[in-house]
Amino acid sequence: MQNIIPEHIIEIFKNTFEEYPSITKFKIDKQEVLNKMFLKSKIIWYEDKFNTDGGINNVKILYEYDSTGILVFIKKIKKSEYPLKDDELKKSYMVFILSKINKKNMVEFTLQQLKKTIK
């Protein structure tokens, strides 16, 4: 997981919550669902890249989803990481939920709510 999640993200979690994170990951193709899900979440860290046309791509972002033990790292999928068609790559993201072990039920509930939103 360390090669997919930058080491400093793991360190932020460890320093904030004084333990290593449990990690749940999934792929999502709907940026609008992610935008809605994290509308009120605090951004802790991000990495953007500029396009040649002047637009900005949100490549990586770390949210504080729950201040008592859940951070969410979202990473735009690169072609070298996953065998996807070009049109799928434009809208595909990997989402990593980093949580304290005692937040497992909350993570599962969040995933169920996300599943309902996507359908």
PDB file of N, CA and C in Angstrom:
ATOM      1  N   MET A   1       0.829  -1.195   0.000  1.00  0.00           N
ATOM      2  CA  MET A   1       0.000   0.000   0.000  1.00  0.00           C
ATOM      3  C   MET A   1       0.873   1.259   0.000  1.00  0.00           C
ATOM      4  N   GLN A   2       2.076   1.166   0.566  1.00  0.00           N
ATOM      5  CA  GLN A   2       2.931   2.334   0.652  1.00  0.00           C
ATOM      6  C   GLN A   2       3.291   2.905  -0.711  1.00  0.00           C
ATOM      7  N   ASN A   3       3.409   2.052  -1.751  1.00  0.00           N
ATOM      8  CA  ASN A   3       3.766   2.592  -3.054  1.00  0.00           C
ATOM      9  C   ASN A   3       2.574   3.276  -3.731  1.00  0.00           C
ATOM     10  N   ILE A   4       1.362   3.014  -3.262  1.00  0.00           N
ATOM     11  CA  ILE A   4       0.172   3.650  -3.817  1.00  0.00           C
ATOM     12  C   ILE A   4      -0.208   4.876  -2.984  1.00  0.00           C
ATOM     13  N   ILE A   5      -0.131   4.739  -1.680  1.00  0.00           N
ATOM     14  CA  ILE A   5      -0.396   5.860  -0.779  1.00  0.00           C
ATOM     15  C   ILE A   5       0.962   6.451  -0.401  1.00  0.00           C
ATOM     16  N   PRO A   6       1.175   7.732  -0.673  1.00  0.00           N
ATOM     17  CA  PRO A   6       2.465   8.329  -0.307  1.00  0.00           C
ATOM     18  C   PRO A   6       2.768   8.146   1.185  1.00  0.00           C
ATOM     19  N   GLU A   7       4.024   7.928   1.492  1.00  0.00           N
ATOM     20  CA  GLU A   7       4.460   7.689   2.869  1.00  0.00           C
ATOM     21  C   GLU A   7       4.046   8.835   3.799  1.00  0.00           C
ATOM     22  N   HIS A   8       4.098  10.070   3.308  1.00  0.00           N
ATOM     23  CA  HIS A   8       3.752  11.191   4.188  1.00  0.00           C
ATOM     24  C   HIS A   8       2.269  11.168   4.587  1.00  0.00           C
ATOM     25  N   ILE A   9       1.420  10.548   3.778  1.00  0.00           N
ATOM     26  CA  ILE A   9      -0.001  10.423   4.134  1.00  0.00           C
ATOM     27  C   ILE A   9      -0.142   9.471   5.328  1.00  0.00           C
ATOM     28  N   ILE A  10       0.576   8.366   5.269  1.00  0.00           N
ATOM     29  CA  ILE A  10       0.582   7.414   6.391  1.00  0.00           C
ATOM     30  C   ILE A  10       1.132   8.104   7.642  1.00  0.00           C
ATOM     31  N   GLU A  11       2.180   8.890   7.478  1.00  0.00           N
ATOM     32  CA  GLU A  11       2.783   9.610   8.616  1.00  0.00           C
ATOM     33  C   GLU A  11       1.812  10.633   9.207  1.00  0.00           C
ATOM     34  N   ILE A  12       1.071  11.333   8.349  1.00  0.00           N
ATOM     35  CA  ILE A  12       0.064  12.283   8.849  1.00  0.00           C
ATOM     36  C   ILE A  12      -0.942  11.544   9.714  1.00  0.00           C
ATOM     37  N   PHE A  13      -1.404  10.387   9.245  1.00  0.00           N
ATOM     38  CA  PHE A  13      -2.368   9.606  10.018  1.00  0.00           C
ATOM     39  C   PHE A  13      -1.763   9.176  11.351  1.00  0.00           C
ATOM     40  N   LYS A  14      -0.550   8.611  11.304  1.00  0.00           N
ATOM     41  CA  LYS A  14       0.114   8.139  12.533  1.00  0.00           C
ATOM     42  C   LYS A  14       0.314   9.278  13.529  1.00  0.00           C
ATOM     43  N   ASN A  15       0.744  10.434  13.044  1.00  0.00           N
ATOM     44  CA  ASN A  15       0.975  11.572  13.937  1.00  0.00           C
ATOM     45  C   ASN A  15      -0.324  12.125  14.517  1.00  0.00           C
ATOM     46  N   THR A  16      -1.395  12.059  13.758  1.00  0.00           N
ATOM     47  CA  THR A  16      -2.682  12.595  14.204  1.00  0.00           C
ATOM     48  C   THR A  16      -3.387  11.662  15.181  1.00  0.00           C
ATOM     49  N   PHE A  17      -3.379  10.358  14.871  1.00  0.00           N
ATOM     50  CA  PHE A  17      -4.183   9.411  15.644  1.00  0.00           C
ATOM     51  C   PHE A  17      -3.361   8.411  16.462  1.00  0.00           C
ATOM     52  N   GLU A  18      -2.026   8.535  16.409  1.00  0.00           N
ATOM     53  CA  GLU A  18      -1.102   7.730  17.219  1.00  0.00           C
ATOM     54  C   GLU A  18      -1.234   6.226  17.003  1.00  0.00           C
ATOM     55  N   GLU A  19      -1.555   5.822  15.772  1.00  0.00           N
ATOM     56  CA  GLU A  19      -1.580   4.415  15.392  1.00  0.00           C
ATOM     57  C   GLU A  19      -1.529   4.313  13.875  1.00  0.00           C
ATOM     58  N   TYR A  20      -1.172   3.119  13.389  1.00  0.00           N
ATOM     59  CA  TYR A  20      -1.196   2.894  11.946  1.00  0.00           C
ATOM     60  C   TYR A  20      -2.642   2.766  11.482  1.00  0.00           C
ATOM     61  N   PRO A  21      -2.919   3.197  10.256  1.00  0.00           N
ATOM     62  CA  PRO A  21      -4.302   3.117   9.776  1.00  0.00           C
ATOM     63  C   PRO A  21      -4.693   1.737   9.258  1.00  0.00           C
ATOM     64  N   SER A  22      -5.956   1.418   9.414  1.00  0.00           N
ATOM     65  CA  SER A  22      -6.562   0.331   8.649  1.00  0.00           C
ATOM     66  C   SER A  22      -6.959   0.980   7.336  1.00  0.00           C
ATOM     67  N   ILE A  23      -6.878   0.233   6.231  1.00  0.00           N
ATOM     68  CA  ILE A  23      -7.100   0.848   4.924  1.00  0.00           C
ATOM     69  C   ILE A  23      -8.155   0.076   4.140  1.00  0.00           C
ATOM     70  N   THR A  24      -9.124   0.824   3.632  1.00  0.00           N
ATOM     71  CA  THR A  24     -10.150   0.280   2.734  1.00  0.00           C
ATOM     72  C   THR A  24      -9.999   1.031   1.425  1.00  0.00           C
ATOM     73  N   LYS A  25      -9.945   0.303   0.303  1.00  0.00           N
ATOM     74  CA  LYS A  25      -9.775   0.996  -0.977  1.00  0.00           C
ATOM     75  C   LYS A  25     -10.840   0.558  -1.974  1.00  0.00           C
ATOM     76  N   PHE A  26     -11.167   1.479  -2.880  1.00  0.00           N
ATOM     77  CA  PHE A  26     -12.103   1.171  -3.956  1.00  0.00           C
ATOM     78  C   PHE A  26     -11.892   2.147  -5.102  1.00  0.00           C
ATOM     79  N   LYS A  27     -12.345   1.774  -6.287  1.00  0.00           N
ATOM     80  CA  LYS A  27     -12.278   2.607  -7.483  1.00  0.00           C
ATOM     81  C   LYS A  27     -13.662   3.202  -7.717  1.00  0.00           C
ATOM     82  N   ILE A  28     -13.672   4.458  -8.117  1.00  0.00           N
ATOM     83  CA  ILE A  28     -14.943   5.109  -8.410  1.00  0.00           C
ATOM     84  C   ILE A  28     -14.793   5.930  -9.691  1.00  0.00           C
ATOM     85  N   ASP A  29     -15.851   5.966 -10.477  1.00  0.00           N
ATOM     86  CA  ASP A  29     -15.831   6.654 -11.769  1.00  0.00           C
ATOM     87  C   ASP A  29     -16.711   7.897 -11.788  1.00  0.00           C
ATOM     88  N   LYS A  30     -17.173   8.331 -10.649  1.00  0.00           N
ATOM     89  CA  LYS A  30     -18.098   9.470 -10.609  1.00  0.00           C
ATOM     90  C   LYS A  30     -17.541  10.564  -9.699  1.00  0.00           C
ATOM     91  N   GLN A  31     -16.886  11.543 -10.323  1.00  0.00           N
ATOM     92  CA  GLN A  31     -16.290  12.628  -9.560  1.00  0.00           C
ATOM     93  C   GLN A  31     -17.342  13.435  -8.802  1.00  0.00           C
ATOM     94  N   GLU A  32     -18.534  13.573  -9.380  1.00  0.00           N
ATOM     95  CA  GLU A  32     -19.584  14.354  -8.713  1.00  0.00           C
ATOM     96  C   GLU A  32     -20.001  13.715  -7.388  1.00  0.00           C
ATOM     97  N   VAL A  33     -19.941  12.390  -7.303  1.00  0.00           N
ATOM     98  CA  VAL A  33     -20.261  11.697  -6.050  1.00  0.00           C
ATOM     99  C   VAL A  33     -19.198  12.013  -5.007  1.00  0.00           C
ATOM    100  N   LEU A  34     -17.938  11.996  -5.418  1.00  0.00           N
ATOM    101  CA  LEU A  34     -16.846  12.344  -4.502  1.00  0.00           C
ATOM    102  C   LEU A  34     -16.972  13.791  -4.040  1.00  0.00           C
ATOM    103  N   ASN A  35     -17.266  14.688  -4.972  1.00  0.00           N
ATOM    104  CA  ASN A  35     -17.413  16.107  -4.615  1.00  0.00           C
ATOM    105  C   ASN A  35     -18.498  16.292  -3.560  1.00  0.00           C
ATOM    106  N   LYS A  36     -19.621  15.618  -3.747  1.00  0.00           N
ATOM    107  CA  LYS A  36     -20.735  15.725  -2.800  1.00  0.00           C
ATOM    108  C   LYS A  36     -20.371  15.106  -1.449  1.00  0.00           C
ATOM    109  N   MET A  37     -19.696  13.959  -1.497  1.00  0.00           N
ATOM    110  CA  MET A  37     -19.331  13.244  -0.272  1.00  0.00           C
ATOM    111  C   MET A  37     -18.396  14.063   0.625  1.00  0.00           C
ATOM    112  N   PHE A  38     -17.494  14.833   0.009  1.00  0.00           N
ATOM    113  CA  PHE A  38     -16.488  15.556   0.779  1.00  0.00           C
ATOM    114  C   PHE A  38     -16.695  17.067   0.795  1.00  0.00           C
ATOM    115  N   LEU A  39     -17.889  17.499   0.456  1.00  0.00           N
ATOM    116  CA  LEU A  39     -18.207  18.921   0.397  1.00  0.00           C
ATOM    117  C   LEU A  39     -17.876  19.659   1.696  1.00  0.00           C
ATOM    118  N   LYS A  40     -18.161  19.034   2.827  1.00  0.00           N
ATOM    119  CA  LYS A  40     -17.951  19.692   4.113  1.00  0.00           C
ATOM    120  C   LYS A  40     -16.715  19.178   4.851  1.00  0.00           C
ATOM    121  N   SER A  41     -15.915  18.362   4.185  1.00  0.00           N
ATOM    122  CA  SER A  41     -14.709  17.818   4.805  1.00  0.00           C
ATOM    123  C   SER A  41     -13.542  18.792   4.673  1.00  0.00           C
ATOM    124  N   LYS A  42     -12.665  18.728   5.641  1.00  0.00           N
ATOM    125  CA  LYS A  42     -11.493  19.595   5.664  1.00  0.00           C
ATOM    126  C   LYS A  42     -10.387  18.998   4.788  1.00  0.00           C
ATOM    127  N   ILE A  43      -9.818  19.808   3.894  1.00  0.00           N
ATOM    128  CA  ILE A  43      -8.687  19.364   3.076  1.00  0.00           C
ATOM    129  C   ILE A  43      -7.422  19.513   3.916  1.00  0.00           C
ATOM    130  N   ILE A  44      -6.662  18.418   4.005  1.00  0.00           N
ATOM    131  CA  ILE A  44      -5.415  18.420   4.766  1.00  0.00           C
ATOM    132  C   ILE A  44      -4.214  18.629   3.845  1.00  0.00           C
ATOM    133  N   TRP A  45      -4.279  18.028   2.659  1.00  0.00           N
ATOM    134  CA  TRP A  45      -3.163  18.089   1.717  1.00  0.00           C
ATOM    135  C   TRP A  45      -3.694  17.831   0.311  1.00  0.00           C
ATOM    136  N   TYR A  46      -3.045  18.419  -0.708  1.00  0.00           N
ATOM    137  CA  TYR A  46      -3.429  18.127  -2.082  1.00  0.00           C
ATOM    138  C   TYR A  46      -2.238  18.311  -3.013  1.00  0.00           C
ATOM    139  N   GLU A  47      -2.362  17.723  -4.197  1.00  0.00           N
ATOM    140  CA  GLU A  47      -1.389  17.916  -5.268  1.00  0.00           C
ATOM    141  C   GLU A  47      -2.187  18.116  -6.549  1.00  0.00           C
ATOM    142  N   ASP A  48      -2.013  19.268  -7.179  1.00  0.00           N
ATOM    143  CA  ASP A  48      -2.691  19.582  -8.437  1.00  0.00           C
ATOM    144  C   ASP A  48      -1.664  19.653  -9.558  1.00  0.00           C
ATOM    145  N   LYS A  49      -2.126  19.423 -10.767  1.00  0.00           N
ATOM    146  CA  LYS A  49      -1.282  19.594 -11.946  1.00  0.00           C
ATOM    147  C   LYS A  49      -2.028  20.460 -12.947  1.00  0.00           C
ATOM    148  N   PHE A  50      -1.296  21.352 -13.596  1.00  0.00           N
ATOM    149  CA  PHE A  50      -1.892  22.228 -14.601  1.00  0.00           C
ATOM    150  C   PHE A  50      -1.843  21.560 -15.966  1.00  0.00           C
ATOM    151  N   ASN A  51      -2.930  21.688 -16.721  1.00  0.00           N
ATOM    152  CA  ASN A  51      -2.977  21.224 -18.103  1.00  0.00           C
ATOM    153  C   ASN A  51      -2.337  22.272 -19.003  1.00  0.00           C
ATOM    154  N   THR A  52      -2.010  21.881 -20.219  1.00  0.00           N
ATOM    155  CA  THR A  52      -1.461  22.843 -21.178  1.00  0.00           C
ATOM    156  C   THR A  52      -2.493  23.892 -21.577  1.00  0.00           C
ATOM    157  N   ASP A  53      -3.781  23.564 -21.418  1.00  0.00           N
ATOM    158  CA  ASP A  53      -4.830  24.546 -21.746  1.00  0.00           C
ATOM    159  C   ASP A  53      -5.153  25.463 -20.569  1.00  0.00           C
ATOM    160  N   GLY A  54      -4.412  25.332 -19.479  1.00  0.00           N
ATOM    161  CA  GLY A  54      -4.611  26.208 -18.331  1.00  0.00           C
ATOM    162  C   GLY A  54      -5.538  25.659 -17.268  1.00  0.00           C
ATOM    163  N   GLY A  55      -6.149  24.510 -17.520  1.00  0.00           N
ATOM    164  CA  GLY A  55      -7.034  23.903 -16.528  1.00  0.00           C
ATOM    165  C   GLY A  55      -6.247  23.212 -15.427  1.00  0.00           C
ATOM    166  N   ILE A  56      -6.913  22.950 -14.319  1.00  0.00           N
ATOM    167  CA  ILE A  56      -6.274  22.295 -13.180  1.00  0.00           C
ATOM    168  C   ILE A  56      -6.868  20.906 -13.012  1.00  0.00           C
ATOM    169  N   ASN A  57      -6.001  19.924 -12.836  1.00  0.00           N
ATOM    170  CA  ASN A  57      -6.426  18.564 -12.522  1.00  0.00           C
ATOM    171  C   ASN A  57      -6.140  18.280 -11.057  1.00  0.00           C
ATOM    172  N   ASN A  58      -7.167  17.885 -10.316  1.00  0.00           N
ATOM    173  CA  ASN A  58      -6.948  17.436  -8.945  1.00  0.00           C
ATOM    174  C   ASN A  58      -6.412  16.011  -9.036  1.00  0.00           C
ATOM    175  N   VAL A  59      -5.134  15.844  -8.799  1.00  0.00           N
ATOM    176  CA  VAL A  59      -4.492  14.559  -8.966  1.00  0.00           C
ATOM    177  C   VAL A  59      -4.530  13.746  -7.675  1.00  0.00           C
ATOM    178  N   LYS A  60      -4.237  14.404  -6.551  1.00  0.00           N
ATOM    179  CA  LYS A  60      -4.240  13.730  -5.251  1.00  0.00           C
ATOM    180  C   LYS A  60      -4.791  14.701  -4.214  1.00  0.00           C
ATOM    181  N   ILE A  61      -5.568  14.153  -3.272  1.00  0.00           N
ATOM    182  CA  ILE A  61      -6.126  15.010  -2.225  1.00  0.00           C
ATOM    183  C   ILE A  61      -6.372  14.170  -0.971  1.00  0.00           C
ATOM    184  N   LEU A  62      -6.122  14.762   0.179  1.00  0.00           N
ATOM    185  CA  LEU A  62      -6.341  14.097   1.464  1.00  0.00           C
ATOM    186  C   LEU A  62      -7.351  14.905   2.265  1.00  0.00           C
ATOM    187  N   TYR A  63      -8.440  14.231   2.659  1.00  0.00           N
ATOM    188  CA  TYR A  63      -9.492  14.868   3.455  1.00  0.00           C
ATOM    189  C   TYR A  63      -9.518  14.304   4.866  1.00  0.00           C
ATOM    190  N   GLU A  64      -9.905  15.156   5.808  1.00  0.00           N
ATOM    191  CA  GLU A  64     -10.271  14.690   7.139  1.00  0.00           C
ATOM    192  C   GLU A  64     -11.773  14.444   7.083  1.00  0.00           C
ATOM    193  N   TYR A  65     -12.154  13.191   7.043  1.00  0.00           N
ATOM    194  CA  TYR A  65     -13.579  12.839   6.946  1.00  0.00           C
ATOM    195  C   TYR A  65     -14.222  12.840   8.320  1.00  0.00           C
ATOM    196  N   ASP A  66     -13.488  12.363   9.308  1.00  0.00           N
ATOM    197  CA  ASP A  66     -13.972  12.340  10.688  1.00  0.00           C
ATOM    198  C   ASP A  66     -12.779  12.632  11.599  1.00  0.00           C
ATOM    199  N   SER A  67     -12.864  13.686  12.362  1.00  0.00           N
ATOM    200  CA  SER A  67     -11.728  14.121  13.179  1.00  0.00           C
ATOM    201  C   SER A  67     -11.360  13.138  14.291  1.00  0.00           C
ATOM    202  N   THR A  68     -12.206  12.138  14.521  1.00  0.00           N
ATOM    203  CA  THR A  68     -11.897  11.153  15.562  1.00  0.00           C
ATOM    204  C   THR A  68     -11.240   9.892  15.006  1.00  0.00           C
ATOM    205  N   GLY A  69     -10.929   9.876  13.696  1.00  0.00           N
ATOM    206  CA  GLY A  69     -10.194   8.722  13.213  1.00  0.00           C
ATOM    207  C   GLY A  69     -10.380   8.280  11.785  1.00  0.00           C
ATOM    208  N   ILE A  70     -10.815   9.166  10.873  1.00  0.00           N
ATOM    209  CA  ILE A  70     -10.940   8.757   9.472  1.00  0.00           C
ATOM    210  C   ILE A  70     -10.401   9.855   8.550  1.00  0.00           C
ATOM    211  N   LEU A  71      -9.401   9.472   7.752  1.00  0.00           N
ATOM    212  CA  LEU A  71      -8.900  10.316   6.679  1.00  0.00           C
ATOM    213  C   LEU A  71      -9.195   9.606   5.371  1.00  0.00           C
ATOM    214  N   VAL A  72      -9.373  10.372   4.293  1.00  0.00           N
ATOM    215  CA  VAL A  72      -9.642   9.786   2.986  1.00  0.00           C
ATOM    216  C   VAL A  72      -8.658  10.377   1.981  1.00  0.00           C
ATOM    217  N   PHE A  73      -7.928   9.485   1.327  1.00  0.00           N
ATOM    218  CA  PHE A  73      -6.969   9.874   0.293  1.00  0.00           C
ATOM    219  C   PHE A  73      -7.541   9.481  -1.058  1.00  0.00           C
ATOM    220  N   ILE A  74      -7.633  10.456  -1.969  1.00  0.00           N
ATOM    221  CA  ILE A  74      -8.181  10.213  -3.303  1.00  0.00           C
ATOM    222  C   ILE A  74      -7.086  10.497  -4.314  1.00  0.00           C
ATOM    223  N   LYS A  75      -6.936   9.560  -5.239  1.00  0.00           N
ATOM    224  CA  LYS A  75      -5.871   9.655  -6.229  1.00  0.00           C
ATOM    225  C   LYS A  75      -6.430   9.380  -7.614  1.00  0.00           C
ATOM    226  N   LYS A  76      -6.173  10.286  -8.549  1.00  0.00           N
ATOM    227  CA  LYS A  76      -6.586  10.070  -9.936  1.00  0.00           C
ATOM    228  C   LYS A  76      -5.781   8.900 -10.485  1.00  0.00           C
ATOM    229  N   ILE A  77      -6.452   7.995 -11.173  1.00  0.00           N
ATOM    230  CA  ILE A  77      -5.806   6.797 -11.696  1.00  0.00           C
ATOM    231  C   ILE A  77      -4.975   7.125 -12.931  1.00  0.00           C
ATOM    232  N   LYS A  78      -3.746   6.609 -12.956  1.00  0.00           N
ATOM    233  CA  LYS A  78      -2.866   6.766 -14.106  1.00  0.00           C
ATOM    234  C   LYS A  78      -2.931   5.509 -14.965  1.00  0.00           C
ATOM    235  N   LYS A  79      -2.700   5.690 -16.243  1.00  0.00           N
ATOM    236  CA  LYS A  79      -2.738   4.565 -17.180  1.00  0.00           C
ATOM    237  C   LYS A  79      -1.727   3.483 -16.803  1.00  0.00           C
ATOM    238  N   SER A  80      -0.578   3.871 -16.286  1.00  0.00           N
ATOM    239  CA  SER A  80       0.466   2.911 -15.927  1.00  0.00           C
ATOM    240  C   SER A  80       0.078   2.047 -14.721  1.00  0.00           C
ATOM    241  N   GLU A  81      -0.912   2.495 -13.942  1.00  0.00           N
ATOM    242  CA  GLU A  81      -1.309   1.761 -12.738  1.00  0.00           C
ATOM    243  C   GLU A  81      -2.444   0.775 -12.971  1.00  0.00           C
ATOM    244  N   TYR A  82      -3.337   1.095 -13.888  1.00  0.00           N
ATOM    245  CA  TYR A  82      -4.504   0.253 -14.135  1.00  0.00           C
ATOM    246  C   TYR A  82      -4.778   0.158 -15.625  1.00  0.00           C
ATOM    247  N   PRO A  83      -5.088  -1.032 -16.105  1.00  0.00           N
ATOM    248  CA  PRO A  83      -5.363  -1.191 -17.544  1.00  0.00           C
ATOM    249  C   PRO A  83      -6.778  -0.723 -17.903  1.00  0.00           C
ATOM    250  N   LEU A  84      -6.953   0.575 -18.069  1.00  0.00           N
ATOM    251  CA  LEU A  84      -8.259   1.146 -18.413  1.00  0.00           C
ATOM    252  C   LEU A  84      -8.178   1.855 -19.756  1.00  0.00           C
ATOM    253  N   LYS A  85      -9.305   1.968 -20.414  1.00  0.00           N
ATOM    254  CA  LYS A  85      -9.385   2.723 -21.660  1.00  0.00           C
ATOM    255  C   LYS A  85      -9.234   4.211 -21.354  1.00  0.00           C
ATOM    256  N   ASP A  86      -8.786   4.979 -22.343  1.00  0.00           N
ATOM    257  CA  ASP A  86      -8.543   6.408 -22.136  1.00  0.00           C
ATOM    258  C   ASP A  86      -9.761   7.154 -21.614  1.00  0.00           C
ATOM    259  N   ASP A  87     -10.958   6.840 -22.122  1.00  0.00           N
ATOM    260  CA  ASP A  87     -12.155   7.547 -21.667  1.00  0.00           C
ATOM    261  C   ASP A  87     -12.499   7.189 -20.219  1.00  0.00           C
ATOM    262  N   GLU A  88     -12.136   5.981 -19.771  1.00  0.00           N
ATOM    263  CA  GLU A  88     -12.358   5.593 -18.372  1.00  0.00           C
ATOM    264  C   GLU A  88     -11.368   6.294 -17.450  1.00  0.00           C
ATOM    265  N   LEU A  89     -10.142   6.499 -17.928  1.00  0.00           N
ATOM    266  CA  LEU A  89      -9.106   7.141 -17.115  1.00  0.00           C
ATOM    267  C   LEU A  89      -9.457   8.581 -16.766  1.00  0.00           C
ATOM    268  N   LYS A  90     -10.149   9.270 -17.650  1.00  0.00           N
ATOM    269  CA  LYS A  90     -10.478  10.676 -17.423  1.00  0.00           C
ATOM    270  C   LYS A  90     -11.321  10.885 -16.176  1.00  0.00           C
ATOM    271  N   LYS A  91     -12.068   9.869 -15.776  1.00  0.00           N
ATOM    272  CA  LYS A  91     -12.991  10.043 -14.655  1.00  0.00           C
ATOM    273  C   LYS A  91     -12.811   9.013 -13.551  1.00  0.00           C
ATOM    274  N   SER A  92     -11.702   8.298 -13.551  1.00  0.00           N
ATOM    275  CA  SER A  92     -11.501   7.232 -12.575  1.00  0.00           C
ATOM    276  C   SER A  92     -10.580   7.658 -11.435  1.00  0.00           C
ATOM    277  N   TYR A  93     -11.006   7.334 -10.238  1.00  0.00           N
ATOM    278  CA  TYR A  93     -10.249   7.669  -9.039  1.00  0.00           C
ATOM    279  C   TYR A  93     -10.137   6.441  -8.135  1.00  0.00           C
ATOM    280  N   MET A  94      -9.008   6.335  -7.438  1.00  0.00           N
ATOM    281  CA  MET A  94      -8.867   5.351  -6.370  1.00  0.00           C
ATOM    282  C   MET A  94      -9.097   6.102  -5.068  1.00  0.00           C
ATOM    283  N   VAL A  95      -9.906   5.522  -4.221  1.00  0.00           N
ATOM    284  CA  VAL A  95     -10.218   6.133  -2.929  1.00  0.00           C
ATOM    285  C   VAL A  95      -9.704   5.200  -1.850  1.00  0.00           C
ATOM    286  N   PHE A  96      -8.934   5.749  -0.918  1.00  0.00           N
ATOM    287  CA  PHE A  96      -8.379   4.992   0.192  1.00  0.00           C
ATOM    288  C   PHE A  96      -8.918   5.593   1.486  1.00  0.00           C
ATOM    289  N   ILE A  97      -9.652   4.810   2.233  1.00  0.00           N
ATOM    290  CA  ILE A  97     -10.153   5.262   3.530  1.00  0.00           C
ATOM    291  C   ILE A  97      -9.183   4.752   4.587  1.00  0.00           C
ATOM    292  N   LEU A  98      -8.527   5.664   5.259  1.00  0.00           N
ATOM    293  CA  LEU A  98      -7.591   5.331   6.327  1.00  0.00           C
ATOM    294  C   LEU A  98      -8.317   5.570   7.642  1.00  0.00           C
ATOM    295  N   SER A  99      -8.403   4.546   8.463  1.00  0.00           N
ATOM    296  CA  SER A  99      -9.200   4.689   9.681  1.00  0.00           C
ATOM    297  C   SER A  99      -8.570   3.989  10.872  1.00  0.00           C
ATOM    298  N   LYS A 100      -8.957   4.462  12.045  1.00  0.00           N
ATOM    299  CA  LYS A 100      -8.612   3.755  13.268  1.00  0.00           C
ATOM    300  C   LYS A 100      -9.450   2.480  13.298  1.00  0.00           C
ATOM    301  N   ILE A 101      -8.949   1.468  13.957  1.00  0.00           N
ATOM    302  CA  ILE A 101      -9.642   0.178  13.981  1.00  0.00           C
ATOM    303  C   ILE A 101     -11.047   0.308  14.584  1.00  0.00           C
ATOM    304  N   ASN A 102     -11.221   1.195  15.544  1.00  0.00           N
ATOM    305  CA  ASN A 102     -12.534   1.334  16.175  1.00  0.00           C
ATOM    306  C   ASN A 102     -13.545   2.101  15.306  1.00  0.00           C
ATOM    307  N   LYS A 103     -13.137   2.500  14.110  1.00  0.00           N
ATOM    308  CA  LYS A 103     -14.030   3.204  13.178  1.00  0.00           C
ATOM    309  C   LYS A 103     -14.527   2.292  12.054  1.00  0.00           C
ATOM    310  N   LYS A 104     -14.284   0.997  12.169  1.00  0.00           N
ATOM    311  CA  LYS A 104     -14.661   0.028  11.132  1.00  0.00           C
ATOM    312  C   LYS A 104     -16.149   0.111  10.793  1.00  0.00           C
ATOM    313  N   ASN A 105     -17.015   0.176  11.783  1.00  0.00           N
ATOM    314  CA  ASN A 105     -18.461   0.247  11.522  1.00  0.00           C
ATOM    315  C   ASN A 105     -18.836   1.517  10.770  1.00  0.00           C
ATOM    316  N   MET A 106     -18.204   2.622  11.120  1.00  0.00           N
ATOM    317  CA  MET A 106     -18.489   3.886  10.447  1.00  0.00           C
ATOM    318  C   MET A 106     -18.025   3.827   8.984  1.00  0.00           C
ATOM    319  N   VAL A 107     -16.876   3.212   8.740  1.00  0.00           N
ATOM    320  CA  VAL A 107     -16.379   3.056   7.369  1.00  0.00           C
ATOM    321  C   VAL A 107     -17.350   2.206   6.562  1.00  0.00           C
ATOM    322  N   GLU A 108     -17.797   1.097   7.133  1.00  0.00           N
ATOM    323  CA  GLU A 108     -18.743   0.222   6.436  1.00  0.00           C
ATOM    324  C   GLU A 108     -20.062   0.937   6.144  1.00  0.00           C
ATOM    325  N   PHE A 109     -20.541   1.727   7.097  1.00  0.00           N
ATOM    326  CA  PHE A 109     -21.764   2.503   6.896  1.00  0.00           C
ATOM    327  C   PHE A 109     -21.570   3.513   5.753  1.00  0.00           C
ATOM    328  N   THR A 110     -20.432   4.198   5.752  1.00  0.00           N
ATOM    329  CA  THR A 110     -20.127   5.178   4.710  1.00  0.00           C
ATOM    330  C   THR A 110     -20.099   4.512   3.337  1.00  0.00           C
ATOM    331  N   LEU A 111     -19.515   3.323   3.260  1.00  0.00           N
ATOM    332  CA  LEU A 111     -19.454   2.598   1.988  1.00  0.00           C
ATOM    333  C   LEU A 111     -20.843   2.198   1.511  1.00  0.00           C
ATOM    334  N   GLN A 112     -21.709   1.800   2.438  1.00  0.00           N
ATOM    335  CA  GLN A 112     -23.085   1.451   2.076  1.00  0.00           C
ATOM    336  C   GLN A 112     -23.833   2.677   1.550  1.00  0.00           C
ATOM    337  N   GLN A 113     -23.635   3.823   2.187  1.00  0.00           N
ATOM    338  CA  GLN A 113     -24.272   5.062   1.725  1.00  0.00           C
ATOM    339  C   GLN A 113     -23.737   5.458   0.346  1.00  0.00           C
ATOM    340  N   LEU A 114     -22.456   5.284   0.140  1.00  0.00           N
ATOM    341  CA  LEU A 114     -21.845   5.585  -1.144  1.00  0.00           C
ATOM    342  C   LEU A 114     -22.407   4.690  -2.236  1.00  0.00           C
ATOM    343  N   LYS A 115     -22.588   3.424  -1.921  1.00  0.00           N
ATOM    344  CA  LYS A 115     -23.136   2.465  -2.868  1.00  0.00           C
ATOM    345  C   LYS A 115     -24.542   2.891  -3.315  1.00  0.00           C
ATOM    346  N   LYS A 116     -25.349   3.355  -2.365  1.00  0.00           N
ATOM    347  CA  LYS A 116     -26.706   3.815  -2.675  1.00  0.00           C
ATOM    348  C   LYS A 116     -26.672   5.061  -3.568  1.00  0.00           C
ATOM    349  N   THR A 117     -25.723   5.941  -3.320  1.00  0.00           N
ATOM    350  CA  THR A 117     -25.598   7.178  -4.089  1.00  0.00           C
ATOM    351  C   THR A 117     -25.199   6.901  -5.531  1.00  0.00           C
ATOM    352  N   ILE A 118     -24.351   5.920  -5.741  1.00  0.00           N
ATOM    353  CA  ILE A 118     -23.841   5.599  -7.076  1.00  0.00           C
ATOM    354  C   ILE A 118     -24.909   4.968  -7.953  1.00  0.00           C
ATOM    355  N   LYS A 119     -25.809   4.177  -7.363  1.00  0.00           N
ATOM    356  CA  LYS A 119     -26.841   3.479  -8.154  1.00  0.00           C
ATOM    357  C   LYS A 119     -27.851   4.404  -8.762  1.00  0.00           C
TER     358      LYS A 119
END
